[in-house]
């Protein structure tokens, strides 16, 4: 992630990313960028590109082979509102996963007519001795998605947990001093699909699993709070104007308010044995909801299977606005 640095005040603020249409690009522009620069984006020559999609053909955006002969099937998800891309990349796996070496060799030579064979290109690039029978024994699905698109990233994390060989490569776009910056991240391990969302809406657990004291304290003092390391540092993420929902385990969202931006540190439950182990922030326009919003309803509104046991996590603006309108 990229931050704006205020040197005078020793402060940083996360710089918000852009979507493709905001820089005047379409999906095919990014596909061309990938096709012509895959060797730059990938360290250590990890993949051999074998094709890119052609107009009016049912093909993935890109396909590549690794040093073991495994087929990588890429789909670019340019528009965050379209959920079909995740299913599309799996459909391509069903189609091209059945391709023989001869089929892939013919496809490769259409794009690289100066090459003699796919097998020769693989072994020359990786200095290996892969045989025809090794090619396309396994498939890897890769969805290239904007870092802002947390719903698709959450779905990818779910399917990967079910044993599907699918991963998310993340690209982020920024404008800085009339220049467009691209941040590109491959092979994410243990990704948190919500970590990059910075749209000003958060759900905070009131720690009711440890009794009513912390939960009641947040309601009475009209504040968001977290306790002990590393959980207390979550409160530092809140900025003035952010909208915070207080979530009680087993009940749902019970209250909401707007962060003041002023961090308060104090002893946990006023016990001097735990100095500065409570980080909190007052919430303006604080309101206890007439009807709590249950976890199941939140998931239905967002279309995401949230894990509510975590201390605090971000949600997207669309979901946040719908929850904020609830009384």
C-alpha atoms as a PDB file:
ATOM      1  CA  UNK A   1       0.000   0.000   0.000  1.00  0.00           C
ATOM      2  CA  UNK A   2       1.047   3.612  -0.559  1.00  0.00           C
ATOM      3  CA  UNK A   3       0.803   6.402   2.008  1.00  0.00           C
ATOM      4  CA  UNK A   4       0.903  10.183   1.785  1.00  0.00           C
ATOM      5  CA  UNK A   5       3.591  11.442   4.178  1.00  0.00           C
ATOM      6  CA  UNK A   6       3.203  14.709   6.081  1.00  0.00           C
ATOM      7  CA  UNK A   7       6.799  15.328   7.124  1.00  0.00           C
ATOM      8  CA  UNK A   8       5.972  18.356   9.269  1.00  0.00           C
ATOM      9  CA  UNK A   9       3.426  16.516  11.425  1.00  0.00           C
ATOM     10  CA  UNK A  10       4.957  13.024  11.219  1.00  0.00           C
ATOM     11  CA  UNK A  11       1.647  11.725   9.933  1.00  0.00           C
ATOM     12  CA  UNK A  12       0.714   9.298   7.181  1.00  0.00           C
ATOM     13  CA  UNK A  13      -2.576   8.659   5.408  1.00  0.00           C
ATOM     14  CA  UNK A  14      -3.334   5.836   3.017  1.00  0.00           C
ATOM     15  CA  UNK A  15      -3.550   6.906  -0.605  1.00  0.00           C
ATOM     16  CA  UNK A  16      -6.704   5.612  -2.226  1.00  0.00           C
ATOM     17  CA  UNK A  17      -6.431   3.490  -5.334  1.00  0.00           C
ATOM     18  CA  UNK A  18      -8.112   3.939  -8.693  1.00  0.00           C
ATOM     19  CA  UNK A  19     -10.158   1.721 -10.984  1.00  0.00           C
ATOM     20  CA  UNK A  20      -9.312   1.139 -14.638  1.00  0.00           C
ATOM     21  CA  UNK A  21     -11.995   3.455 -16.009  1.00  0.00           C
ATOM     22  CA  UNK A  22     -10.583   6.305 -13.897  1.00  0.00           C
ATOM     23  CA  UNK A  23      -7.383   6.262 -15.955  1.00  0.00           C
ATOM     24  CA  UNK A  24      -9.269   5.900 -19.239  1.00  0.00           C
ATOM     25  CA  UNK A  25      -8.470   2.209 -19.730  1.00  0.00           C
ATOM     26  CA  UNK A  26     -10.576  -0.776 -20.674  1.00  0.00           C
ATOM     27  CA  UNK A  27     -10.036  -4.423 -19.793  1.00  0.00           C
ATOM     28  CA  UNK A  28      -8.226  -5.125 -23.064  1.00  0.00           C
ATOM     29  CA  UNK A  29      -5.704  -2.385 -22.250  1.00  0.00           C
ATOM     30  CA  UNK A  30      -4.717  -4.118 -19.048  1.00  0.00           C
ATOM     31  CA  UNK A  31      -4.676  -7.490 -20.810  1.00  0.00           C
ATOM     32  CA  UNK A  32      -2.201  -6.101 -23.350  1.00  0.00           C
ATOM     33  CA  UNK A  33      -0.084  -4.708 -20.514  1.00  0.00           C
ATOM     34  CA  UNK A  34       0.056  -8.144 -18.903  1.00  0.00           C
ATOM     35  CA  UNK A  35       0.825  -9.896 -22.195  1.00  0.00           C
ATOM     36  CA  UNK A  36       3.717  -7.605 -23.060  1.00  0.00           C
ATOM     37  CA  UNK A  37       5.199  -7.373 -19.548  1.00  0.00           C
ATOM     38  CA  UNK A  38       4.614 -10.729 -17.859  1.00  0.00           C
ATOM     39  CA  UNK A  39       8.357 -11.354 -17.718  1.00  0.00           C
ATOM     40  CA  UNK A  40       8.783  -8.042 -15.854  1.00  0.00           C
ATOM     41  CA  UNK A  41       5.902  -8.611 -13.433  1.00  0.00           C
ATOM     42  CA  UNK A  42       7.054 -12.132 -12.589  1.00  0.00           C
ATOM     43  CA  UNK A  43      10.409 -12.530 -10.816  1.00  0.00           C
ATOM     44  CA  UNK A  44      12.881 -15.250 -11.749  1.00  0.00           C
ATOM     45  CA  UNK A  45      11.215 -16.224 -15.051  1.00  0.00           C
ATOM     46  CA  UNK A  46       8.539 -18.335 -13.377  1.00  0.00           C
ATOM     47  CA  UNK A  47       6.120 -18.673 -16.322  1.00  0.00           C
ATOM     48  CA  UNK A  48       6.209 -19.073 -20.081  1.00  0.00           C
ATOM     49  CA  UNK A  49       3.368 -17.167 -21.730  1.00  0.00           C
ATOM     50  CA  UNK A  50       1.673 -19.229 -24.456  1.00  0.00           C
ATOM     51  CA  UNK A  51      -1.354 -17.152 -25.568  1.00  0.00           C
ATOM     52  CA  UNK A  52      -3.681 -14.212 -25.035  1.00  0.00           C
ATOM     53  CA  UNK A  53      -7.384 -14.112 -25.780  1.00  0.00           C
ATOM     54  CA  UNK A  54      -8.608 -13.272 -29.251  1.00  0.00           C
ATOM     55  CA  UNK A  55     -11.761 -11.397 -30.122  1.00  0.00           C
ATOM     56  CA  UNK A  56     -14.885 -13.537 -30.454  1.00  0.00           C
ATOM     57  CA  UNK A  57     -13.068 -16.604 -29.064  1.00  0.00           C
ATOM     58  CA  UNK A  58     -14.039 -18.384 -25.827  1.00  0.00           C
ATOM     59  CA  UNK A  59     -10.596 -18.116 -24.287  1.00  0.00           C
ATOM     60  CA  UNK A  60      -9.052 -16.897 -21.043  1.00  0.00           C
ATOM     61  CA  UNK A  61      -7.280 -13.563 -21.038  1.00  0.00           C
ATOM     62  CA  UNK A  62      -3.874 -15.248 -20.754  1.00  0.00           C
ATOM     63  CA  UNK A  63      -2.452 -18.752 -20.408  1.00  0.00           C
ATOM     64  CA  UNK A  64       1.059 -19.743 -19.369  1.00  0.00           C
ATOM     65  CA  UNK A  65       3.113 -22.823 -18.463  1.00  0.00           C
ATOM     66  CA  UNK A  66       5.450 -23.238 -15.481  1.00  0.00           C
ATOM     67  CA  UNK A  67       8.644 -25.286 -15.257  1.00  0.00           C
ATOM     68  CA  UNK A  68       6.683 -28.422 -14.308  1.00  0.00           C
ATOM     69  CA  UNK A  69       4.353 -28.187 -17.288  1.00  0.00           C
ATOM     70  CA  UNK A  70       1.383 -26.997 -15.193  1.00  0.00           C
ATOM     71  CA  UNK A  71      -1.072 -24.774 -17.056  1.00  0.00           C
ATOM     72  CA  UNK A  72      -1.844 -21.341 -15.565  1.00  0.00           C
ATOM     73  CA  UNK A  73      -5.185 -19.862 -16.646  1.00  0.00           C
ATOM     74  CA  UNK A  74      -5.565 -16.111 -16.115  1.00  0.00           C
ATOM     75  CA  UNK A  75      -8.703 -14.018 -16.066  1.00  0.00           C
ATOM     76  CA  UNK A  76      -8.649 -10.279 -15.561  1.00  0.00           C
ATOM     77  CA  UNK A  77     -11.507  -8.981 -13.450  1.00  0.00           C
ATOM     78  CA  UNK A  78     -11.602  -5.334 -14.450  1.00  0.00           C
ATOM     79  CA  UNK A  79     -15.046  -4.368 -13.172  1.00  0.00           C
ATOM     80  CA  UNK A  80     -15.750  -4.939  -9.500  1.00  0.00           C
ATOM     81  CA  UNK A  81     -19.519  -5.251  -9.962  1.00  0.00           C
ATOM     82  CA  UNK A  82     -19.273  -8.376 -12.137  1.00  0.00           C
ATOM     83  CA  UNK A  83     -19.111 -11.646 -10.210  1.00  0.00           C
ATOM     84  CA  UNK A  84     -19.096 -13.866 -13.319  1.00  0.00           C
ATOM     85  CA  UNK A  85     -15.318 -13.724 -13.758  1.00  0.00           C
ATOM     86  CA  UNK A  86     -14.675 -16.184 -10.940  1.00  0.00           C
ATOM     87  CA  UNK A  87     -16.939 -18.768 -12.556  1.00  0.00           C
ATOM     88  CA  UNK A  88     -15.559 -17.939 -15.988  1.00  0.00           C
ATOM     89  CA  UNK A  89     -11.979 -18.769 -15.079  1.00  0.00           C
ATOM     90  CA  UNK A  90     -13.134 -22.155 -13.734  1.00  0.00           C
ATOM     91  CA  UNK A  91     -15.058 -22.808 -16.944  1.00  0.00           C
ATOM     92  CA  UNK A  92     -11.880 -22.167 -18.903  1.00  0.00           C
ATOM     93  CA  UNK A  93     -10.198 -24.725 -16.659  1.00  0.00           C
ATOM     94  CA  UNK A  94     -12.849 -27.258 -17.650  1.00  0.00           C
ATOM     95  CA  UNK A  95     -12.242 -26.538 -21.342  1.00  0.00           C
ATOM     96  CA  UNK A  96      -8.480 -26.140 -21.556  1.00  0.00           C
ATOM     97  CA  UNK A  97      -7.696 -28.607 -18.779  1.00  0.00           C
ATOM     98  CA  UNK A  98      -8.688 -31.306 -21.269  1.00  0.00           C
ATOM     99  CA  UNK A  99      -6.271 -30.061 -23.943  1.00  0.00           C
ATOM    100  CA  UNK A 100      -3.573 -32.534 -24.964  1.00  0.00           C
ATOM    101  CA  UNK A 101       0.020 -31.469 -25.459  1.00  0.00           C
ATOM    102  CA  UNK A 102      -0.658 -31.376 -29.196  1.00  0.00           C
ATOM    103  CA  UNK A 103      -3.601 -29.007 -28.715  1.00  0.00           C
ATOM    104  CA  UNK A 104      -1.560 -26.609 -26.584  1.00  0.00           C
ATOM    105  CA  UNK A 105       1.384 -26.848 -28.955  1.00  0.00           C
ATOM    106  CA  UNK A 106      -0.828 -25.839 -31.893  1.00  0.00           C
ATOM    107  CA  UNK A 107      -2.226 -22.911 -29.874  1.00  0.00           C
ATOM    108  CA  UNK A 108       1.249 -21.791 -28.802  1.00  0.00           C
ATOM    109  CA  UNK A 109       2.586 -21.804 -32.376  1.00  0.00           C
ATOM    110  CA  UNK A 110      -0.298 -19.575 -33.513  1.00  0.00           C
ATOM    111  CA  UNK A 111       0.952 -16.879 -31.175  1.00  0.00           C
ATOM    112  CA  UNK A 112       4.671 -17.619 -31.482  1.00  0.00           C
ATOM    113  CA  UNK A 113       5.198 -18.834 -35.080  1.00  0.00           C
ATOM    114  CA  UNK A 114       8.969 -18.411 -34.833  1.00  0.00           C
ATOM    115  CA  UNK A 115       9.176 -21.139 -32.182  1.00  0.00           C
ATOM    116  CA  UNK A 116       9.653 -24.779 -33.220  1.00  0.00           C
ATOM    117  CA  UNK A 117       7.586 -26.341 -30.406  1.00  0.00           C
ATOM    118  CA  UNK A 118       6.044 -25.627 -27.025  1.00  0.00           C
ATOM    119  CA  UNK A 119       8.119 -28.364 -25.394  1.00  0.00           C
ATOM    120  CA  UNK A 120      11.326 -26.906 -26.746  1.00  0.00           C
ATOM    121  CA  UNK A 121      10.383 -23.453 -25.504  1.00  0.00           C
ATOM    122  CA  UNK A 122       9.604 -24.774 -22.002  1.00  0.00           C
ATOM    123  CA  UNK A 123      12.856 -26.699 -21.617  1.00  0.00           C
ATOM    124  CA  UNK A 124      14.951 -23.904 -23.072  1.00  0.00           C
ATOM    125  CA  UNK A 125      13.406 -21.245 -20.820  1.00  0.00           C
ATOM    126  CA  UNK A 126      13.584 -23.227 -17.586  1.00  0.00           C
ATOM    127  CA  UNK A 127      16.565 -25.465 -18.389  1.00  0.00           C
ATOM    128  CA  UNK A 128      14.426 -28.540 -17.671  1.00  0.00           C
ATOM    129  CA  UNK A 129      13.647 -31.883 -19.297  1.00  0.00           C
ATOM    130  CA  UNK A 130       9.849 -31.758 -19.295  1.00  0.00           C
ATOM    131  CA  UNK A 131       8.197 -34.364 -21.527  1.00  0.00           C
ATOM    132  CA  UNK A 132       4.981 -34.106 -23.519  1.00  0.00           C
ATOM    133  CA  UNK A 133       3.186 -36.298 -20.965  1.00  0.00           C
ATOM    134  CA  UNK A 134       4.059 -33.787 -18.195  1.00  0.00           C
ATOM    135  CA  UNK A 135       2.323 -30.855 -19.869  1.00  0.00           C
ATOM    136  CA  UNK A 136      -1.116 -29.820 -18.543  1.00  0.00           C
ATOM    137  CA  UNK A 137      -1.385 -32.534 -15.905  1.00  0.00           C
ATOM    138  CA  UNK A 138      -2.406 -29.815 -13.439  1.00  0.00           C
ATOM    139  CA  UNK A 139      -4.087 -26.432 -13.800  1.00  0.00           C
ATOM    140  CA  UNK A 140      -3.744 -23.294 -11.699  1.00  0.00           C
ATOM    141  CA  UNK A 141      -6.426 -20.577 -11.823  1.00  0.00           C
ATOM    142  CA  UNK A 142      -5.371 -16.965 -11.397  1.00  0.00           C
ATOM    143  CA  UNK A 143      -7.838 -14.084 -11.144  1.00  0.00           C
ATOM    144  CA  UNK A 144      -6.183 -10.704 -11.578  1.00  0.00           C
ATOM    145  CA  UNK A 145      -8.224  -8.258  -9.565  1.00  0.00           C
ATOM    146  CA  UNK A 146      -8.098  -4.690  -8.341  1.00  0.00           C
ATOM    147  CA  UNK A 147      -7.101  -4.371  -4.690  1.00  0.00           C
ATOM    148  CA  UNK A 148     -10.380  -2.554  -4.089  1.00  0.00           C
ATOM    149  CA  UNK A 149     -12.429  -5.590  -5.119  1.00  0.00           C
ATOM    150  CA  UNK A 150     -12.694  -7.312  -1.744  1.00  0.00           C
ATOM    151  CA  UNK A 151     -15.783  -9.404  -2.576  1.00  0.00           C
ATOM    152  CA  UNK A 152     -14.027 -11.324  -5.326  1.00  0.00           C
ATOM    153  CA  UNK A 153     -10.933 -11.703  -3.160  1.00  0.00           C
ATOM    154  CA  UNK A 154     -13.072 -13.128  -0.349  1.00  0.00           C
ATOM    155  CA  UNK A 155     -14.631 -15.633  -2.759  1.00  0.00           C
ATOM    156  CA  UNK A 156     -11.182 -16.685  -3.986  1.00  0.00           C
ATOM    157  CA  UNK A 157     -10.028 -17.207  -0.404  1.00  0.00           C
ATOM    158  CA  UNK A 158     -13.080 -19.416   0.211  1.00  0.00           C
ATOM    159  CA  UNK A 159     -12.544 -21.617  -2.859  1.00  0.00           C
ATOM    160  CA  UNK A 160      -8.823 -21.925  -2.164  1.00  0.00           C
ATOM    161  CA  UNK A 161      -9.754 -23.159   1.304  1.00  0.00           C
ATOM    162  CA  UNK A 162     -11.907 -25.828  -0.349  1.00  0.00           C
ATOM    163  CA  UNK A 163      -8.899 -27.185  -2.217  1.00  0.00           C
ATOM    164  CA  UNK A 164      -9.355 -25.405  -5.557  1.00  0.00           C
ATOM    165  CA  UNK A 165      -6.002 -24.281  -6.983  1.00  0.00           C
ATOM    166  CA  UNK A 166      -6.998 -20.667  -7.395  1.00  0.00           C
ATOM    167  CA  UNK A 167      -5.236 -17.499  -6.343  1.00  0.00           C
ATOM    168  CA  UNK A 168      -5.629 -13.767  -6.627  1.00  0.00           C
ATOM    169  CA  UNK A 169      -2.996 -11.495  -8.098  1.00  0.00           C
ATOM    170  CA  UNK A 170      -3.613  -7.954  -6.944  1.00  0.00           C
ATOM    171  CA  UNK A 171      -3.005  -4.781  -8.924  1.00  0.00           C
ATOM    172  CA  UNK A 172      -3.471  -1.276  -7.570  1.00  0.00           C
ATOM    173  CA  UNK A 173      -3.440   1.992  -9.469  1.00  0.00           C
ATOM    174  CA  UNK A 174      -2.523   5.398  -8.075  1.00  0.00           C
ATOM    175  CA  UNK A 175      -2.185   8.910  -9.457  1.00  0.00           C
ATOM    176  CA  UNK A 176       0.792  10.844  -8.137  1.00  0.00           C
ATOM    177  CA  UNK A 177       2.132  14.127  -9.534  1.00  0.00           C
ATOM    178  CA  UNK A 178       0.489  13.537 -12.924  1.00  0.00           C
ATOM    179  CA  UNK A 179       1.943  10.036 -13.116  1.00  0.00           C
ATOM    180  CA  UNK A 180       0.041   6.753 -12.965  1.00  0.00           C
ATOM    181  CA  UNK A 181       1.634   4.232 -10.601  1.00  0.00           C
ATOM    182  CA  UNK A 182       1.013   0.498 -10.752  1.00  0.00           C
ATOM    183  CA  UNK A 183       1.541  -1.757  -7.741  1.00  0.00           C
ATOM    184  CA  UNK A 184       1.416  -5.452  -8.615  1.00  0.00           C
ATOM    185  CA  UNK A 185       1.479  -8.359  -6.195  1.00  0.00           C
ATOM    186  CA  UNK A 186       1.584 -12.047  -7.147  1.00  0.00           C
ATOM    187  CA  UNK A 187       1.292 -15.286  -5.188  1.00  0.00           C
ATOM    188  CA  UNK A 188      -0.425 -13.851  -2.127  1.00  0.00           C
ATOM    189  CA  UNK A 189      -0.103 -16.093   0.921  1.00  0.00           C
ATOM    190  CA  UNK A 190      -2.817 -16.076   3.596  1.00  0.00           C
ATOM    191  CA  UNK A 191      -4.479 -12.998   2.093  1.00  0.00           C
ATOM    192  CA  UNK A 192      -6.852 -10.879   4.114  1.00  0.00           C
ATOM    193  CA  UNK A 193      -9.349  -9.692   1.495  1.00  0.00           C
ATOM    194  CA  UNK A 194     -10.499  -6.812   3.710  1.00  0.00           C
ATOM    195  CA  UNK A 195      -7.141  -5.349   4.674  1.00  0.00           C
ATOM    196  CA  UNK A 196      -6.930  -2.896   1.777  1.00  0.00           C
ATOM    197  CA  UNK A 197     -10.446  -1.504   1.967  1.00  0.00           C
ATOM    198  CA  UNK A 198     -10.276   2.130   2.978  1.00  0.00           C
ATOM    199  CA  UNK A 199     -13.750   3.479   2.390  1.00  0.00           C
ATOM    200  CA  UNK A 200     -14.415   4.656   5.925  1.00  0.00           C
ATOM    201  CA  UNK A 201     -16.729   1.920   7.286  1.00  0.00           C
ATOM    202  CA  UNK A 202     -15.736  -0.484  10.064  1.00  0.00           C
ATOM    203  CA  UNK A 203     -17.312  -3.193  12.218  1.00  0.00           C
ATOM    204  CA  UNK A 204     -15.856  -3.429  15.740  1.00  0.00           C
ATOM    205  CA  UNK A 205     -16.406  -6.351  18.109  1.00  0.00           C
ATOM    206  CA  UNK A 206     -17.417  -5.203  21.608  1.00  0.00           C
ATOM    207  CA  UNK A 207     -15.533  -8.058  23.330  1.00  0.00           C
ATOM    208  CA  UNK A 208     -18.696  -9.434  24.937  1.00  0.00           C
ATOM    209  CA  UNK A 209     -17.118 -12.916  25.010  1.00  0.00           C
ATOM    210  CA  UNK A 210     -15.251 -11.719  28.118  1.00  0.00           C
ATOM    211  CA  UNK A 211     -18.436 -10.563  29.825  1.00  0.00           C
ATOM    212  CA  UNK A 212     -20.557  -7.420  29.742  1.00  0.00           C
ATOM    213  CA  UNK A 213     -18.038  -4.950  31.141  1.00  0.00           C
ATOM    214  CA  UNK A 214     -16.299  -3.871  27.922  1.00  0.00           C
ATOM    215  CA  UNK A 215     -19.517  -4.036  25.918  1.00  0.00           C
ATOM    216  CA  UNK A 216     -21.394  -1.823  28.407  1.00  0.00           C
ATOM    217  CA  UNK A 217     -18.431   0.542  28.684  1.00  0.00           C
ATOM    218  CA  UNK A 218     -18.459   1.221  24.937  1.00  0.00           C
ATOM    219  CA  UNK A 219     -22.197   1.868  24.947  1.00  0.00           C
ATOM    220  CA  UNK A 220     -22.147   4.092  28.034  1.00  0.00           C
ATOM    221  CA  UNK A 221     -19.096   6.102  26.941  1.00  0.00           C
ATOM    222  CA  UNK A 222     -20.180   6.160  23.285  1.00  0.00           C
ATOM    223  CA  UNK A 223     -16.810   4.980  22.022  1.00  0.00           C
ATOM    224  CA  UNK A 224     -14.975   2.326  20.011  1.00  0.00           C
ATOM    225  CA  UNK A 225     -12.317   0.475  21.988  1.00  0.00           C
ATOM    226  CA  UNK A 226      -9.899  -2.445  21.770  1.00  0.00           C
ATOM    227  CA  UNK A 227      -7.592  -3.936  24.337  1.00  0.00           C
ATOM    228  CA  UNK A 228      -4.020  -5.231  24.630  1.00  0.00           C
ATOM    229  CA  UNK A 229      -1.523  -5.970  21.867  1.00  0.00           C
ATOM    230  CA  UNK A 230      -1.948  -6.407  18.970  1.00  0.00           C
ATOM    231  CA  UNK A 231      -5.718  -5.854  18.987  1.00  0.00           C
ATOM    232  CA  UNK A 232      -5.654  -2.361  20.507  1.00  0.00           C
ATOM    233  CA  UNK A 233      -3.697  -1.028  17.517  1.00  0.00           C
ATOM    234  CA  UNK A 234      -6.777  -1.557  15.331  1.00  0.00           C
ATOM    235  CA  UNK A 235      -8.220   1.649  16.785  1.00  0.00           C
ATOM    236  CA  UNK A 236      -5.317   3.603  15.299  1.00  0.00           C
ATOM    237  CA  UNK A 237      -6.733   2.863  11.840  1.00  0.00           C
ATOM    238  CA  UNK A 238      -9.808   4.988  12.496  1.00  0.00           C
ATOM    239  CA  UNK A 239      -9.778   8.482  11.048  1.00  0.00           C
ATOM    240  CA  UNK A 240     -12.042  11.439  11.669  1.00  0.00           C
ATOM    241  CA  UNK A 241     -15.333  10.889   9.874  1.00  0.00           C
ATOM    242  CA  UNK A 242     -15.113   7.099   9.649  1.00  0.00           C
ATOM    243  CA  UNK A 243     -18.367   5.318  10.451  1.00  0.00           C
ATOM    244  CA  UNK A 244     -18.107   2.583  13.063  1.00  0.00           C
ATOM    245  CA  UNK A 245     -20.588  -0.187  13.870  1.00  0.00           C
ATOM    246  CA  UNK A 246     -20.382  -1.867  17.274  1.00  0.00           C
ATOM    247  CA  UNK A 247     -20.981  -5.604  16.969  1.00  0.00           C
ATOM    248  CA  UNK A 248     -21.975  -7.825  19.924  1.00  0.00           C
ATOM    249  CA  UNK A 249     -21.242 -11.526  19.438  1.00  0.00           C
ATOM    250  CA  UNK A 250     -24.418 -13.557  19.200  1.00  0.00           C
ATOM    251  CA  UNK A 251     -26.574 -10.441  18.784  1.00  0.00           C
ATOM    252  CA  UNK A 252     -25.259  -8.387  15.870  1.00  0.00           C
ATOM    253  CA  UNK A 253     -24.674  -4.683  15.287  1.00  0.00           C
ATOM    254  CA  UNK A 254     -26.086  -2.895  18.306  1.00  0.00           C
ATOM    255  CA  UNK A 255     -24.834   0.690  17.880  1.00  0.00           C
ATOM    256  CA  UNK A 256     -23.127   3.060  15.461  1.00  0.00           C
ATOM    257  CA  UNK A 257     -21.253   6.359  15.491  1.00  0.00           C
ATOM    258  CA  UNK A 258     -18.755   8.568  13.675  1.00  0.00           C
ATOM    259  CA  UNK A 259     -15.091   8.535  14.728  1.00  0.00           C
ATOM    260  CA  UNK A 260     -13.637  11.786  16.089  1.00  0.00           C
ATOM    261  CA  UNK A 261     -10.109  10.942  14.972  1.00  0.00           C
ATOM    262  CA  UNK A 262      -8.685  11.522  18.478  1.00  0.00           C
ATOM    263  CA  UNK A 263      -7.014   8.420  19.942  1.00  0.00           C
ATOM    264  CA  UNK A 264      -7.332   7.921  23.710  1.00  0.00           C
ATOM    265  CA  UNK A 265      -5.035   5.608  25.696  1.00  0.00           C
ATOM    266  CA  UNK A 266      -5.815   4.472  29.242  1.00  0.00           C
ATOM    267  CA  UNK A 267      -5.422   1.566  31.645  1.00  0.00           C
ATOM    268  CA  UNK A 268      -7.605  -1.418  30.827  1.00  0.00           C
ATOM    269  CA  UNK A 269     -10.685  -1.276  33.086  1.00  0.00           C
ATOM    270  CA  UNK A 270      -8.807   1.462  35.021  1.00  0.00           C
ATOM    271  CA  UNK A 271      -6.460  -1.172  36.434  1.00  0.00           C
ATOM    272  CA  UNK A 272      -2.980   0.377  36.949  1.00  0.00           C
ATOM    273  CA  UNK A 273      -1.451  -3.040  36.316  1.00  0.00           C
ATOM    274  CA  UNK A 274      -2.485  -2.652  32.660  1.00  0.00           C
ATOM    275  CA  UNK A 275      -1.439   0.886  31.681  1.00  0.00           C
ATOM    276  CA  UNK A 276      -2.272   2.042  28.136  1.00  0.00           C
ATOM    277  CA  UNK A 277      -3.812  -1.330  27.280  1.00  0.00           C
ATOM    278  CA  UNK A 278      -7.069   0.274  26.170  1.00  0.00           C
ATOM    279  CA  UNK A 279      -7.076   2.271  22.963  1.00  0.00           C
ATOM    280  CA  UNK A 280     -10.351   4.034  22.262  1.00  0.00           C
ATOM    281  CA  UNK A 281     -11.974   6.773  20.207  1.00  0.00           C
ATOM    282  CA  UNK A 282     -15.140   8.710  20.924  1.00  0.00           C
ATOM    283  CA  UNK A 283     -17.992   8.330  18.442  1.00  0.00           C
ATOM    284  CA  UNK A 284     -20.076  11.355  17.469  1.00  0.00           C
ATOM    285  CA  UNK A 285     -23.756  11.038  16.513  1.00  0.00           C
ATOM    286  CA  UNK A 286     -23.781   7.867  18.558  1.00  0.00           C
ATOM    287  CA  UNK A 287     -26.944   5.800  18.378  1.00  0.00           C
ATOM    288  CA  UNK A 288     -28.005   2.474  19.879  1.00  0.00           C
ATOM    289  CA  UNK A 289     -30.077   0.646  17.277  1.00  0.00           C
ATOM    290  CA  UNK A 290     -33.720  -0.127  17.989  1.00  0.00           C
ATOM    291  CA  UNK A 291     -33.263  -3.503  16.278  1.00  0.00           C
ATOM    292  CA  UNK A 292     -29.808  -5.135  16.163  1.00  0.00           C
ATOM    293  CA  UNK A 293     -28.603  -6.289  12.740  1.00  0.00           C
ATOM    294  CA  UNK A 294     -27.761  -9.991  12.984  1.00  0.00           C
ATOM    295  CA  UNK A 295     -24.651 -11.517  11.439  1.00  0.00           C
ATOM    296  CA  UNK A 296     -26.720 -13.459   8.913  1.00  0.00           C
ATOM    297  CA  UNK A 297     -28.398 -10.270   7.715  1.00  0.00           C
ATOM    298  CA  UNK A 298     -25.073  -8.439   7.420  1.00  0.00           C
ATOM    299  CA  UNK A 299     -23.694 -11.270   5.281  1.00  0.00           C
ATOM    300  CA  UNK A 300     -26.815 -11.170   3.102  1.00  0.00           C
ATOM    301  CA  UNK A 301     -26.541  -7.417   2.577  1.00  0.00           C
ATOM    302  CA  UNK A 302     -22.819  -7.561   1.802  1.00  0.00           C
ATOM    303  CA  UNK A 303     -22.742 -10.845  -0.085  1.00  0.00           C
ATOM    304  CA  UNK A 304     -19.635 -11.751   1.943  1.00  0.00           C
ATOM    305  CA  UNK A 305     -19.123 -14.448   4.575  1.00  0.00           C
ATOM    306  CA  UNK A 306     -17.538 -12.225   7.229  1.00  0.00           C
ATOM    307  CA  UNK A 307     -15.749 -13.651  10.273  1.00  0.00           C
ATOM    308  CA  UNK A 308     -17.125 -11.583  13.142  1.00  0.00           C
ATOM    309  CA  UNK A 309     -14.777 -12.861  15.839  1.00  0.00           C
ATOM    310  CA  UNK A 310     -11.974 -10.573  14.626  1.00  0.00           C
ATOM    311  CA  UNK A 311     -11.515  -7.342  16.573  1.00  0.00           C
ATOM    312  CA  UNK A 312     -12.248  -4.899  13.756  1.00  0.00           C
ATOM    313  CA  UNK A 313     -12.501  -5.106   9.989  1.00  0.00           C
ATOM    314  CA  UNK A 314     -13.382  -2.874   7.064  1.00  0.00           C
ATOM    315  CA  UNK A 315     -16.450  -3.150   4.875  1.00  0.00           C
ATOM    316  CA  UNK A 316     -17.128  -1.572   1.497  1.00  0.00           C
ATOM    317  CA  UNK A 317     -18.955   1.731   1.107  1.00  0.00           C
ATOM    318  CA  UNK A 318     -22.066   0.215  -0.483  1.00  0.00           C
ATOM    319  CA  UNK A 319     -22.586  -2.191   2.413  1.00  0.00           C
ATOM    320  CA  UNK A 320     -21.671   0.471   4.955  1.00  0.00           C
ATOM    321  CA  UNK A 321     -24.270   2.905   3.648  1.00  0.00           C
ATOM    322  CA  UNK A 322     -26.994   0.275   3.743  1.00  0.00           C
ATOM    323  CA  UNK A 323     -26.143  -0.619   7.342  1.00  0.00           C
ATOM    324  CA  UNK A 324     -25.868   3.044   8.340  1.00  0.00           C
ATOM    325  CA  UNK A 325     -29.435   3.714   7.204  1.00  0.00           C
ATOM    326  CA  UNK A 326     -30.767   1.149   9.659  1.00  0.00           C
ATOM    327  CA  UNK A 327     -32.344   2.556  12.803  1.00  0.00           C
END
